[in-house]
């Protein structure tokens, strides 16, 4: 494990009421760093088909791993993004270089 992991701090878990999310990776600035990523929250299912703007956009720097717990997901091969539909709420928790996403689906 590289020493840059020691600089991370725990961020409190945030809970959001939302219908769906898209999780994606953004381009790295420096090849020696982990990836920045985003979680976009929407008020409808399949937001990638709608062209609508997210109701909330969460951005994270230097994420090594995204951990999804107890969620049914769809992986979009065209854009390398993950879509999670049929949500009631989602919990987003950054623990150092890890982003942990869980929630309630109907």
Protein backbone atom coordinates (compact mmCIF):
# COMPACT_ATOMS: atom_id res chain seq x y z
CA UNK A 1 0.00 0.00 0.00
CA UNK A 2 1.44 3.36 -0.95
CA UNK A 3 2.06 6.08 1.61
CA UNK A 4 -0.45 8.51 0.02
CA UNK A 5 -3.25 6.51 1.66
CA UNK A 6 -2.18 7.90 5.04
CA UNK A 7 -3.34 11.42 4.11
CA UNK A 8 -7.02 10.46 3.85
CA UNK A 9 -9.57 11.31 6.50
CA UNK A 10 -12.98 9.87 7.26
CA UNK A 11 -15.92 11.86 5.91
CA UNK A 12 -19.30 11.47 7.58
CA UNK A 13 -21.90 9.36 5.86
CA UNK A 14 -24.53 11.37 4.04
CA UNK A 15 -28.06 10.12 3.32
CA UNK A 16 -30.02 11.35 0.31
CA UNK A 17 -33.60 10.72 -0.81
CA UNK A 18 -33.40 9.99 -4.52
CA UNK A 19 -34.88 7.75 -7.22
CA UNK A 20 -31.65 6.82 -9.03
CA UNK A 21 -27.92 7.55 -9.20
CA UNK A 22 -25.16 7.37 -11.76
CA UNK A 23 -21.64 6.57 -10.54
CA UNK A 24 -18.72 7.30 -12.83
CA UNK A 25 -14.98 7.77 -12.99
CA UNK A 26 -13.39 11.00 -14.18
CA UNK A 27 -10.01 11.41 -15.83
CA UNK A 28 -6.94 11.47 -13.58
CA UNK A 29 -4.75 14.55 -13.58
CA UNK A 30 -1.66 12.64 -12.43
CA UNK A 31 -1.06 8.98 -13.32
CA UNK A 32 0.33 8.31 -9.82
CA UNK A 33 -2.96 9.21 -8.11
CA UNK A 34 -6.25 7.39 -7.67
CA UNK A 35 -9.23 8.42 -9.76
CA UNK A 36 -11.66 11.24 -9.09
CA UNK A 37 -15.25 10.03 -9.36
CA UNK A 38 -18.79 11.36 -9.20
CA UNK A 39 -22.19 10.31 -7.89
CA UNK A 40 -25.09 12.10 -9.57
CA UNK A 41 -28.56 11.90 -7.97
CA UNK A 42 -31.73 11.95 -10.07
CA UNK A 43 -35.48 12.05 -9.51
CA UNK A 44 -36.29 9.44 -12.21
CA UNK A 45 -35.13 5.96 -13.21
CA UNK A 46 -32.78 5.49 -16.18
CA UNK A 47 -31.53 9.08 -16.12
CA UNK A 48 -28.96 8.34 -18.82
CA UNK A 49 -31.85 8.09 -21.30
CA UNK A 50 -33.49 11.37 -20.29
CA UNK A 51 -30.82 14.03 -20.78
CA UNK A 52 -32.03 15.65 -17.53
CA UNK A 53 -29.68 17.45 -15.17
CA UNK A 54 -29.05 15.71 -11.81
CA UNK A 55 -30.77 17.15 -8.74
CA UNK A 56 -27.44 16.85 -6.90
CA UNK A 57 -23.85 16.20 -7.99
CA UNK A 58 -21.27 14.75 -5.60
CA UNK A 59 -17.59 14.81 -6.62
CA UNK A 60 -14.79 12.94 -4.89
CA UNK A 61 -11.01 13.20 -5.40
CA UNK A 62 -8.55 10.30 -5.39
CA UNK A 63 -10.89 7.35 -4.90
CA UNK A 64 -9.22 3.95 -5.05
CA UNK A 65 -12.32 1.78 -4.78
CA UNK A 66 -16.11 2.17 -4.89
CA UNK A 67 -17.88 -0.39 -2.71
CA UNK A 68 -21.58 -1.07 -3.42
CA UNK A 69 -23.53 -2.78 -0.65
CA UNK A 70 -26.94 -4.48 -1.03
CA UNK A 71 -27.86 -2.74 -4.29
CA UNK A 72 -28.97 -3.98 -7.73
CA UNK A 73 -26.95 -2.14 -10.36
CA UNK A 74 -26.71 -1.71 -14.15
CA UNK A 75 -23.31 -1.21 -15.75
CA UNK A 76 -23.38 0.95 -18.89
CA UNK A 77 -20.71 -0.32 -21.26
CA UNK A 78 -20.97 2.70 -23.58
CA UNK A 79 -19.91 5.16 -20.89
CA UNK A 80 -18.32 2.99 -18.17
CA UNK A 81 -20.89 4.29 -15.68
CA UNK A 82 -23.06 2.45 -13.16
CA UNK A 83 -26.77 3.23 -12.87
CA UNK A 84 -28.75 2.29 -9.77
CA UNK A 85 -32.54 2.58 -10.17
CA UNK A 86 -35.59 2.17 -7.94
CA UNK A 87 -34.02 3.85 -4.93
CA UNK A 88 -35.83 5.30 -1.95
CA UNK A 89 -32.64 6.61 -0.39
CA UNK A 90 -28.91 6.24 -0.79
CA UNK A 91 -26.06 6.49 1.73
CA UNK A 92 -22.71 7.81 0.49
CA UNK A 93 -19.74 7.38 2.82
CA UNK A 94 -16.11 8.20 2.05
CA UNK A 95 -13.72 6.20 4.20
CA UNK A 96 -10.23 7.28 3.18
CA UNK A 97 -9.68 6.27 -0.47
CA UNK A 98 -12.86 4.16 -0.48
CA UNK A 99 -16.34 5.33 -1.40
CA UNK A 100 -19.05 3.15 0.14
CA UNK A 101 -22.54 3.37 -1.36
CA UNK A 102 -25.57 1.59 0.06
CA UNK A 103 -29.27 2.32 0.22
CA UNK A 104 -32.87 1.19 0.07
CA UNK A 105 -34.45 0.03 -3.19
CA UNK A 106 -38.09 -0.78 -3.87
